[in-house]
Amino acid sequence: FLESIREMPPEMQPQVVEERMSRGMDGGIIVFLTVQG
């Protein structure tokens, strides 16, 4: 999943904030990003 995020178009320029990753209430994994704008 992280690889698919890093492959997104350059104009989106997302940066993964790996130290913030956590589990949500439903047990899913929340991936935190910073974006331009």
PDB file of all heavy atoms in Angstrom:
ATOM      1  N   PHE A   1       0.837  -1.204   0.000  1.00  0.00           N
ATOM      2  CA  PHE A   1       0.000   0.000   0.000  1.00  0.00           C
ATOM      3  C   PHE A   1       0.873   1.254   0.000  1.00  0.00           C
ATOM      4  O   PHE A   1       0.610   2.208  -0.741  1.00  0.00           O
ATOM      5  CB  PHE A   1      -0.950  -0.006   1.199  1.00  0.00           C
ATOM      6  CG  PHE A   1      -1.917   1.144   1.192  1.00  0.00           C
ATOM      7  CD1 PHE A   1      -2.959   1.185   0.279  1.00  0.00           C
ATOM      8  CD2 PHE A   1      -1.776   2.178   2.088  1.00  0.00           C
ATOM      9  CE1 PHE A   1      -3.851   2.257   0.257  1.00  0.00           C
ATOM     10  CE2 PHE A   1      -2.661   3.247   2.081  1.00  0.00           C
ATOM     11  CZ  PHE A   1      -3.702   3.285   1.167  1.00  0.00           C
ATOM     12  N   LEU A   2       1.938   1.265   0.812  1.00  0.00           N
ATOM     13  CA  LEU A   2       2.838   2.422   0.846  1.00  0.00           C
ATOM     14  C   LEU A   2       3.510   2.635  -0.506  1.00  0.00           C
ATOM     15  O   LEU A   2       3.695   3.773  -0.940  1.00  0.00           O
ATOM     16  CB  LEU A   2       3.884   2.261   1.948  1.00  0.00           C
ATOM     17  CG  LEU A   2       3.361   2.349   3.381  1.00  0.00           C
ATOM     18  CD1 LEU A   2       4.474   2.052   4.369  1.00  0.00           C
ATOM     19  CD2 LEU A   2       2.721   3.694   3.655  1.00  0.00           C
ATOM     20  N   GLU A   3       3.860   1.558  -1.178  1.00  0.00           N
ATOM     21  CA  GLU A   3       4.449   1.679  -2.513  1.00  0.00           C
ATOM     22  C   GLU A   3       3.452   2.308  -3.481  1.00  0.00           C
ATOM     23  O   GLU A   3       3.823   3.136  -4.309  1.00  0.00           O
ATOM     24  CB  GLU A   3       4.910   0.312  -3.022  1.00  0.00           C
ATOM     25  CG  GLU A   3       6.154  -0.190  -2.334  1.00  0.00           C
ATOM     26  CD  GLU A   3       6.491  -1.637  -2.677  1.00  0.00           C
ATOM     27  OE1 GLU A   3       5.874  -2.201  -3.609  1.00  0.00           O
ATOM     28  OE2 GLU A   3       7.361  -2.192  -1.998  1.00  0.00           O
ATOM     29  N   SER A   4       2.167   1.933  -3.371  1.00  0.00           N
ATOM     30  CA  SER A   4       1.162   2.519  -4.259  1.00  0.00           C
ATOM     31  C   SER A   4       0.985   4.009  -3.980  1.00  0.00           C
ATOM     32  O   SER A   4       0.735   4.791  -4.895  1.00  0.00           O
ATOM     33  CB  SER A   4      -0.173   1.776  -4.147  1.00  0.00           C
ATOM     34  OG  SER A   4      -0.821   2.051  -2.931  1.00  0.00           O
ATOM     35  N   ILE A   5       1.156   4.428  -2.732  1.00  0.00           N
ATOM     36  CA  ILE A   5       1.087   5.855  -2.380  1.00  0.00           C
ATOM     37  C   ILE A   5       2.260   6.600  -3.008  1.00  0.00           C
ATOM     38  O   ILE A   5       2.101   7.674  -3.581  1.00  0.00           O
ATOM     39  CB  ILE A   5       1.121   6.048  -0.847  1.00  0.00           C
ATOM     40  CG1 ILE A   5      -0.092   5.409  -0.175  1.00  0.00           C
ATOM     41  CG2 ILE A   5       1.249   7.522  -0.472  1.00  0.00           C
ATOM     42  CD1 ILE A   5      -1.405   6.026  -0.520  1.00  0.00           C
ATOM     43  N   ARG A   6       3.434   6.015  -2.908  1.00  0.00           N
ATOM     44  CA  ARG A   6       4.635   6.666  -3.437  1.00  0.00           C
ATOM     45  C   ARG A   6       4.637   6.741  -4.962  1.00  0.00           C
ATOM     46  O   ARG A   6       5.388   7.517  -5.546  1.00  0.00           O
ATOM     47  CB  ARG A   6       5.873   5.952  -2.915  1.00  0.00           C
ATOM     48  CG  ARG A   6       6.066   6.163  -1.423  1.00  0.00           C
ATOM     49  CD  ARG A   6       7.310   5.481  -0.892  1.00  0.00           C
ATOM     50  NE  ARG A   6       7.431   5.729   0.527  1.00  0.00           N
ATOM     51  CZ  ARG A   6       7.338   4.785   1.461  1.00  0.00           C
ATOM     52  NH1 ARG A   6       7.155   3.526   1.133  1.00  0.00           N
ATOM     53  NH2 ARG A   6       7.456   5.093   2.732  1.00  0.00           N
ATOM     54  N   GLU A   7       3.812   5.926  -5.622  1.00  0.00           N
ATOM     55  CA  GLU A   7       3.726   5.928  -7.085  1.00  0.00           C
ATOM     56  C   GLU A   7       2.691   6.915  -7.610  1.00  0.00           C
ATOM     57  O   GLU A   7       2.507   7.021  -8.811  1.00  0.00           O
ATOM     58  CB  GLU A   7       3.378   4.522  -7.584  1.00  0.00           C
ATOM     59  CG  GLU A   7       4.479   3.508  -7.348  1.00  0.00           C
ATOM     60  CD  GLU A   7       4.053   2.083  -7.661  1.00  0.00           C
ATOM     61  OE1 GLU A   7       2.850   1.854  -7.941  1.00  0.00           O
ATOM     62  OE2 GLU A   7       4.911   1.208  -7.612  1.00  0.00           O
ATOM     63  N   MET A   8       2.019   7.631  -6.734  1.00  0.00           N
ATOM     64  CA  MET A   8       0.988   8.573  -7.173  1.00  0.00           C
ATOM     65  C   MET A   8       1.631   9.712  -7.952  1.00  0.00           C
ATOM     66  O   MET A   8       2.816   9.965  -7.824  1.00  0.00           O
ATOM     67  CB  MET A   8       0.212   9.093  -5.968  1.00  0.00           C
ATOM     68  CG  MET A   8      -0.670   8.026  -5.367  1.00  0.00           C
ATOM     69  SD  MET A   8      -1.667   8.684  -4.035  1.00  0.00           S
ATOM     70  CE  MET A   8      -2.613   7.247  -3.618  1.00  0.00           C
ATOM     71  N   PRO A   9       0.831  10.403  -8.754  1.00  0.00           N
ATOM     72  CA  PRO A   9       1.361  11.481  -9.593  1.00  0.00           C
ATOM     73  C   PRO A   9       2.166  12.497  -8.790  1.00  0.00           C
ATOM     74  O   PRO A   9       1.802  12.836  -7.663  1.00  0.00           O
ATOM     75  CB  PRO A   9       0.102  12.125 -10.180  1.00  0.00           C
ATOM     76  CG  PRO A   9      -0.938  11.059 -10.119  1.00  0.00           C
ATOM     77  CD  PRO A   9      -0.611  10.228  -8.905  1.00  0.00           C
ATOM     78  N   PRO A  10       3.266  12.975  -9.376  1.00  0.00           N
ATOM     79  CA  PRO A  10       4.150  13.902  -8.661  1.00  0.00           C
ATOM     80  C   PRO A  10       3.472  15.188  -8.194  1.00  0.00           C
ATOM     81  O   PRO A  10       3.861  15.755  -7.190  1.00  0.00           O
ATOM     82  CB  PRO A  10       5.263  14.215  -9.657  1.00  0.00           C
ATOM     83  CG  PRO A  10       5.007  13.421 -10.872  1.00  0.00           C
ATOM     84  CD  PRO A  10       3.738  12.661 -10.712  1.00  0.00           C
ATOM     85  N   GLU A  11       2.442  15.636  -8.912  1.00  0.00           N
ATOM     86  CA  GLU A  11       1.788  16.886  -8.503  1.00  0.00           C
ATOM     87  C   GLU A  11       1.075  16.740  -7.157  1.00  0.00           C
ATOM     88  O   GLU A  11       0.790  17.730  -6.491  1.00  0.00           O
ATOM     89  CB  GLU A  11       0.818  17.399  -9.576  1.00  0.00           C
ATOM     90  CG  GLU A  11      -0.366  16.509  -9.857  1.00  0.00           C
ATOM     91  CD  GLU A  11      -0.090  15.442 -10.917  1.00  0.00           C
ATOM     92  OE1 GLU A  11       1.056  15.280 -11.347  1.00  0.00           O
ATOM     93  OE2 GLU A  11      -1.055  14.754 -11.291  1.00  0.00           O
ATOM     94  N   MET A  12       0.781  15.518  -6.753  1.00  0.00           N
ATOM     95  CA  MET A  12       0.158  15.307  -5.445  1.00  0.00           C
ATOM     96  C   MET A  12       1.206  15.346  -4.331  1.00  0.00           C
ATOM     97  O   MET A  12       0.909  15.740  -3.223  1.00  0.00           O
ATOM     98  CB  MET A  12      -0.601  13.989  -5.419  1.00  0.00           C
ATOM     99  CG  MET A  12      -1.812  14.002  -6.306  1.00  0.00           C
ATOM    100  SD  MET A  12      -2.728  12.473  -6.179  1.00  0.00           S
ATOM    101  CE  MET A  12      -4.006  12.747  -7.362  1.00  0.00           C
ATOM    102  N   GLN A  13       2.411  14.924  -4.624  1.00  0.00           N
ATOM    103  CA  GLN A  13       3.551  14.971  -3.724  1.00  0.00           C
ATOM    104  C   GLN A  13       3.236  14.581  -2.275  1.00  0.00           C
ATOM    105  O   GLN A  13       3.566  15.318  -1.343  1.00  0.00           O
ATOM    106  CB  GLN A  13       4.189  16.356  -3.743  1.00  0.00           C
ATOM    107  CG  GLN A  13       4.658  16.774  -5.102  1.00  0.00           C
ATOM    108  CD  GLN A  13       5.219  18.180  -5.105  1.00  0.00           C
ATOM    109  OE1 GLN A  13       5.225  18.874  -4.114  1.00  0.00           O
ATOM    110  NE2 GLN A  13       5.686  18.599  -6.253  1.00  0.00           N
ATOM    111  N   PRO A  14       2.604  13.438  -2.042  1.00  0.00           N
ATOM    112  CA  PRO A  14       2.341  13.050  -0.652  1.00  0.00           C
ATOM    113  C   PRO A  14       3.617  12.558   0.028  1.00  0.00           C
ATOM    114  O   PRO A  14       4.461  11.941  -0.599  1.00  0.00           O
ATOM    115  CB  PRO A  14       1.327  11.916  -0.792  1.00  0.00           C
ATOM    116  CG  PRO A  14       1.655  11.291  -2.106  1.00  0.00           C
ATOM    117  CD  PRO A  14       2.105  12.438  -2.984  1.00  0.00           C
ATOM    118  N   GLN A  15       3.761  12.880   1.291  1.00  0.00           N
ATOM    119  CA  GLN A  15       4.878  12.396   2.094  1.00  0.00           C
ATOM    120  C   GLN A  15       4.295  11.556   3.233  1.00  0.00           C
ATOM    121  O   GLN A  15       3.472  12.052   4.012  1.00  0.00           O
ATOM    122  CB  GLN A  15       5.683  13.563   2.667  1.00  0.00           C
ATOM    123  CG  GLN A  15       6.350  14.420   1.615  1.00  0.00           C
ATOM    124  CD  GLN A  15       7.424  13.646   0.858  1.00  0.00           C
ATOM    125  OE1 GLN A  15       8.212  12.932   1.449  1.00  0.00           O
ATOM    126  NE2 GLN A  15       7.429  13.791  -0.451  1.00  0.00           N
ATOM    127  N   VAL A  16       4.704  10.311   3.313  1.00  0.00           N
ATOM    128  CA  VAL A  16       4.206   9.420   4.366  1.00  0.00           C
ATOM    129  C   VAL A  16       4.851   9.812   5.692  1.00  0.00           C
ATOM    130  O   VAL A  16       6.057  10.004   5.781  1.00  0.00           O
ATOM    131  CB  VAL A  16       4.518   7.945   4.029  1.00  0.00           C
ATOM    132  CG1 VAL A  16       4.061   7.029   5.148  1.00  0.00           C
ATOM    133  CG2 VAL A  16       3.872   7.554   2.703  1.00  0.00           C
ATOM    134  N   VAL A  17       4.037   9.934   6.724  1.00  0.00           N
ATOM    135  CA  VAL A  17       4.510  10.229   8.079  1.00  0.00           C
ATOM    136  C   VAL A  17       4.470   8.897   8.838  1.00  0.00           C
ATOM    137  O   VAL A  17       3.526   8.596   9.557  1.00  0.00           O
ATOM    138  CB  VAL A  17       3.626  11.296   8.772  1.00  0.00           C
ATOM    139  CG1 VAL A  17       4.181  11.661  10.146  1.00  0.00           C
ATOM    140  CG2 VAL A  17       3.480  12.525   7.902  1.00  0.00           C
ATOM    141  N   GLU A  18       5.499   8.096   8.618  1.00  0.00           N
ATOM    142  CA  GLU A  18       5.486   6.722   9.120  1.00  0.00           C
ATOM    143  C   GLU A  18       5.396   6.634  10.640  1.00  0.00           C
ATOM    144  O   GLU A  18       4.802   5.699  11.164  1.00  0.00           O
ATOM    145  CB  GLU A  18       6.693   5.947   8.592  1.00  0.00           C
ATOM    146  CG  GLU A  18       6.584   5.738   7.101  1.00  0.00           C
ATOM    147  CD  GLU A  18       7.571   4.729   6.564  1.00  0.00           C
ATOM    148  OE1 GLU A  18       7.857   3.740   7.251  1.00  0.00           O
ATOM    149  OE2 GLU A  18       8.053   4.932   5.441  1.00  0.00           O
ATOM    150  N   GLU A  19       5.960   7.603  11.347  1.00  0.00           N
ATOM    151  CA  GLU A  19       5.923   7.525  12.808  1.00  0.00           C
ATOM    152  C   GLU A  19       4.528   7.722  13.391  1.00  0.00           C
ATOM    153  O   GLU A  19       4.294   7.426  14.551  1.00  0.00           O
ATOM    154  CB  GLU A  19       6.918   8.503  13.445  1.00  0.00           C
ATOM    155  CG  GLU A  19       6.674   9.967  13.140  1.00  0.00           C
ATOM    156  CD  GLU A  19       7.326  10.444  11.846  1.00  0.00           C
ATOM    157  OE1 GLU A  19       7.895   9.622  11.101  1.00  0.00           O
ATOM    158  OE2 GLU A  19       7.247  11.641  11.566  1.00  0.00           O
ATOM    159  N   ARG A  20       3.584   8.209  12.578  1.00  0.00           N
ATOM    160  CA  ARG A  20       2.200   8.410  13.061  1.00  0.00           C
ATOM    161  C   ARG A  20       1.276   7.244  12.741  1.00  0.00           C
ATOM    162  O   ARG A  20       0.136   7.233  13.186  1.00  0.00           O
ATOM    163  CB  ARG A  20       1.593   9.657  12.419  1.00  0.00           C
ATOM    164  CG  ARG A  20       1.916  10.995  12.976  1.00  0.00           C
ATOM    165  CD  ARG A  20       1.243  11.418  14.264  1.00  0.00           C
ATOM    166  NE  ARG A  20      -0.151  11.183  14.509  1.00  0.00           N
ATOM    167  CZ  ARG A  20      -1.112  12.084  14.451  1.00  0.00           C
ATOM    168  NH1 ARG A  20      -0.848  13.314  14.087  1.00  0.00           N
ATOM    169  NH2 ARG A  20      -2.352  11.782  14.770  1.00  0.00           N
ATOM    170  N   MET A  21       1.713   6.285  11.932  1.00  0.00           N
ATOM    171  CA  MET A  21       0.819   5.188  11.560  1.00  0.00           C
ATOM    172  C   MET A  21       0.245   4.533  12.812  1.00  0.00           C
ATOM    173  O   MET A  21       0.950   4.350  13.800  1.00  0.00           O
ATOM    174  CB  MET A  21       1.545   4.148  10.714  1.00  0.00           C
ATOM    175  CG  MET A  21       1.728   4.593   9.288  1.00  0.00           C
ATOM    176  SD  MET A  21       2.302   3.281   8.205  1.00  0.00           S
ATOM    177  CE  MET A  21       3.963   3.075   8.768  1.00  0.00           C
ATOM    178  N   SER A  22      -1.049   4.199  12.739  1.00  0.00           N
ATOM    179  CA  SER A  22      -1.702   3.589  13.896  1.00  0.00           C
ATOM    180  C   SER A  22      -2.892   2.763  13.432  1.00  0.00           C
ATOM    181  O   SER A  22      -3.254   2.778  12.261  1.00  0.00           O
ATOM    182  CB  SER A  22      -2.149   4.670  14.880  1.00  0.00           C
ATOM    183  OG  SER A  22      -3.080   5.533  14.274  1.00  0.00           O
ATOM    184  N   ARG A  23      -3.484   2.062  14.373  1.00  0.00           N
ATOM    185  CA  ARG A  23      -4.703   1.304  14.078  1.00  0.00           C
ATOM    186  C   ARG A  23      -5.912   2.164  14.407  1.00  0.00           C
ATOM    187  O   ARG A  23      -5.942   2.849  15.422  1.00  0.00           O
ATOM    188  CB  ARG A  23      -4.763   0.036  14.916  1.00  0.00           C
ATOM    189  CG  ARG A  23      -3.908  -1.059  14.392  1.00  0.00           C
ATOM    190  CD  ARG A  23      -4.492  -2.402  14.806  1.00  0.00           C
ATOM    191  NE  ARG A  23      -3.550  -3.451  14.488  1.00  0.00           N
ATOM    192  CZ  ARG A  23      -3.564  -4.134  13.361  1.00  0.00           C
ATOM    193  NH1 ARG A  23      -4.473  -3.888  12.449  1.00  0.00           N
ATOM    194  NH2 ARG A  23      -2.682  -5.076  13.138  1.00  0.00           N
ATOM    195  N   GLY A  24      -6.918   2.086  13.534  1.00  0.00           N
ATOM    196  CA  GLY A  24      -8.165   2.777  13.790  1.00  0.00           C
ATOM    197  C   GLY A  24      -9.054   1.940  14.692  1.00  0.00           C
ATOM    198  O   GLY A  24      -8.724   0.812  15.058  1.00  0.00           O
ATOM    199  N   MET A  25     -10.184   2.497  15.060  1.00  0.00           N
ATOM    200  CA  MET A  25     -11.137   1.793  15.929  1.00  0.00           C
ATOM    201  C   MET A  25     -11.629   0.494  15.297  1.00  0.00           C
ATOM    202  O   MET A  25     -11.945  -0.452  15.992  1.00  0.00           O
ATOM    203  CB  MET A  25     -12.332   2.698  16.254  1.00  0.00           C
ATOM    204  CG  MET A  25     -11.942   3.955  17.029  1.00  0.00           C
ATOM    205  SD  MET A  25     -11.385   3.618  18.694  1.00  0.00           S
ATOM    206  CE  MET A  25     -12.922   3.139  19.443  1.00  0.00           C
ATOM    207  N   ASP A  26     -11.677   0.446  13.965  1.00  0.00           N
ATOM    208  CA  ASP A  26     -12.163  -0.743  13.266  1.00  0.00           C
ATOM    209  C   ASP A  26     -11.062  -1.778  13.043  1.00  0.00           C
ATOM    210  O   ASP A  26     -11.293  -2.814  12.428  1.00  0.00           O
ATOM    211  CB  ASP A  26     -12.792  -0.355  11.927  1.00  0.00           C
ATOM    212  CG  ASP A  26     -11.793   0.252  10.951  1.00  0.00           C
ATOM    213  OD1 ASP A  26     -10.622   0.476  11.334  1.00  0.00           O
ATOM    214  OD2 ASP A  26     -12.184   0.514   9.804  1.00  0.00           O
ATOM    215  N   GLY A  27      -9.847  -1.479  13.519  1.00  0.00           N
ATOM    216  CA  GLY A  27      -8.735  -2.409  13.341  1.00  0.00           C
ATOM    217  C   GLY A  27      -7.923  -2.157  12.089  1.00  0.00           C
ATOM    218  O   GLY A  27      -6.875  -2.766  11.902  1.00  0.00           O
ATOM    219  N   GLY A  28      -8.410  -1.274  11.220  1.00  0.00           N
ATOM    220  CA  GLY A  28      -7.667  -0.939  10.011  1.00  0.00           C
ATOM    221  C   GLY A  28      -6.449  -0.089  10.339  1.00  0.00           C
ATOM    222  O   GLY A  28      -6.322   0.447  11.443  1.00  0.00           O
ATOM    223  N   ILE A  29      -5.557   0.023   9.397  1.00  0.00           N
ATOM    224  CA  ILE A  29      -4.326   0.783   9.585  1.00  0.00           C
ATOM    225  C   ILE A  29      -4.501   2.173   8.981  1.00  0.00           C
ATOM    226  O   ILE A  29      -4.869   2.303   7.816  1.00  0.00           O
ATOM    227  CB  ILE A  29      -3.140   0.053   8.943  1.00  0.00           C
ATOM    228  CG1 ILE A  29      -2.958  -1.307   9.616  1.00  0.00           C
ATOM    229  CG2 ILE A  29      -1.870   0.888   9.038  1.00  0.00           C
ATOM    230  CD1 ILE A  29      -2.003  -2.228   8.907  1.00  0.00           C
ATOM    231  N   ILE A  30      -4.252   3.197   9.791  1.00  0.00           N
ATOM    232  CA  ILE A  30      -4.334   4.578   9.325  1.00  0.00           C
ATOM    233  C   ILE A  30      -2.939   5.008   8.901  1.00  0.00           C
ATOM    234  O   ILE A  30      -1.986   4.928   9.677  1.00  0.00           O
ATOM    235  CB  ILE A  30      -4.867   5.522  10.411  1.00  0.00           C
ATOM    236  CG1 ILE A  30      -6.253   5.058  10.877  1.00  0.00           C
ATOM    237  CG2 ILE A  30      -4.931   6.959   9.878  1.00  0.00           C
ATOM    238  CD1 ILE A  30      -6.790   5.842  12.061  1.00  0.00           C
ATOM    239  N   VAL A  31      -2.825   5.447   7.640  1.00  0.00           N
ATOM    240  CA  VAL A  31      -1.566   5.922   7.082  1.00  0.00           C
ATOM    241  C   VAL A  31      -1.652   7.444   6.999  1.00  0.00           C
ATOM    242  O   VAL A  31      -2.539   7.982   6.346  1.00  0.00           O
ATOM    243  CB  VAL A  31      -1.312   5.302   5.689  1.00  0.00           C
ATOM    244  CG1 VAL A  31      -0.043   5.860   5.078  1.00  0.00           C
ATOM    245  CG2 VAL A  31      -1.254   3.782   5.780  1.00  0.00           C
ATOM    246  N   PHE A  32      -0.740   8.121   7.689  1.00  0.00           N
ATOM    247  CA  PHE A  32      -0.735   9.582   7.746  1.00  0.00           C
ATOM    248  C   PHE A  32       0.177  10.144   6.662  1.00  0.00           C
ATOM    249  O   PHE A  32       1.281   9.630   6.448  1.00  0.00           O
ATOM    250  CB  PHE A  32      -0.264  10.047   9.123  1.00  0.00           C
ATOM    251  CG  PHE A  32      -1.261   9.758  10.214  1.00  0.00           C
ATOM    252  CD1 PHE A  32      -1.323   8.504  10.797  1.00  0.00           C
ATOM    253  CD2 PHE A  32      -2.139  10.733  10.641  1.00  0.00           C
ATOM    254  CE1 PHE A  32      -2.245   8.229  11.798  1.00  0.00           C
ATOM    255  CE2 PHE A  32      -3.072  10.465  11.631  1.00  0.00           C
ATOM    256  CZ  PHE A  32      -3.118   9.211  12.215  1.00  0.00           C
ATOM    257  N   LEU A  33      -0.308  11.197   5.987  1.00  0.00           N
ATOM    258  CA  LEU A  33       0.440  11.858   4.915  1.00  0.00           C
ATOM    259  C   LEU A  33       0.443  13.357   5.132  1.00  0.00           C
ATOM    260  O   LEU A  33      -0.502  13.904   5.693  1.00  0.00           O
ATOM    261  CB  LEU A  33      -0.226  11.614   3.556  1.00  0.00           C
ATOM    262  CG  LEU A  33      -0.405  10.224   3.035  1.00  0.00           C
ATOM    263  CD1 LEU A  33      -1.187  10.272   1.734  1.00  0.00           C
ATOM    264  CD2 LEU A  33       0.930   9.556   2.820  1.00  0.00           C
ATOM    265  N   THR A  34       1.490  14.002   4.639  1.00  0.00           N
ATOM    266  CA  THR A  34       1.451  15.454   4.488  1.00  0.00           C
ATOM    267  C   THR A  34       1.379  15.737   2.991  1.00  0.00           C
ATOM    268  O   THR A  34       1.968  15.020   2.187  1.00  0.00           O
ATOM    269  CB  THR A  34       2.686  16.154   5.094  1.00  0.00           C
ATOM    270  OG1 THR A  34       3.855  15.633   4.488  1.00  0.00           O
ATOM    271  CG2 THR A  34       2.749  15.971   6.590  1.00  0.00           C
ATOM    272  N   VAL A  35       0.600  16.753   2.650  1.00  0.00           N
ATOM    273  CA  VAL A  35       0.411  17.124   1.252  1.00  0.00           C
ATOM    274  C   VAL A  35       0.680  18.617   1.094  1.00  0.00           C
ATOM    275  O   VAL A  35       0.565  19.384   2.053  1.00  0.00           O
ATOM    276  CB  VAL A  35      -1.012  16.775   0.748  1.00  0.00           C
ATOM    277  CG1 VAL A  35      -1.243  15.282   0.767  1.00  0.00           C
ATOM    278  CG2 VAL A  35      -2.082  17.478   1.560  1.00  0.00           C
ATOM    279  N   GLN A  36       1.025  19.016  -0.119  1.00  0.00           N
ATOM    280  CA  GLN A  36       1.251  20.427  -0.425  1.00  0.00           C
ATOM    281  C   GLN A  36      -0.087  21.154  -0.466  1.00  0.00           C
ATOM    282  O   GLN A  36      -1.125  20.557  -0.735  1.00  0.00           O
ATOM    283  CB  GLN A  36       1.965  20.566  -1.770  1.00  0.00           C
ATOM    284  CG  GLN A  36       3.333  19.919  -1.797  1.00  0.00           C
ATOM    285  CD  GLN A  36       4.287  20.536  -0.798  1.00  0.00           C
ATOM    286  OE1 GLN A  36       4.375  21.753  -0.660  1.00  0.00           O
ATOM    287  NE2 GLN A  36       5.005  19.692  -0.069  1.00  0.00           N
ATOM    288  N   GLY A  37      -0.068  22.441  -0.188  1.00  0.00           N
ATOM    289  CA  GLY A  37      -1.278  23.255  -0.280  1.00  0.00           C
ATOM    290  C   GLY A  37      -1.813  23.659   1.075  1.00  0.00           C
ATOM    291  O   GLY A  37      -1.205  23.406   2.115  1.00  0.00           O
TER     292      GLY A  37
END
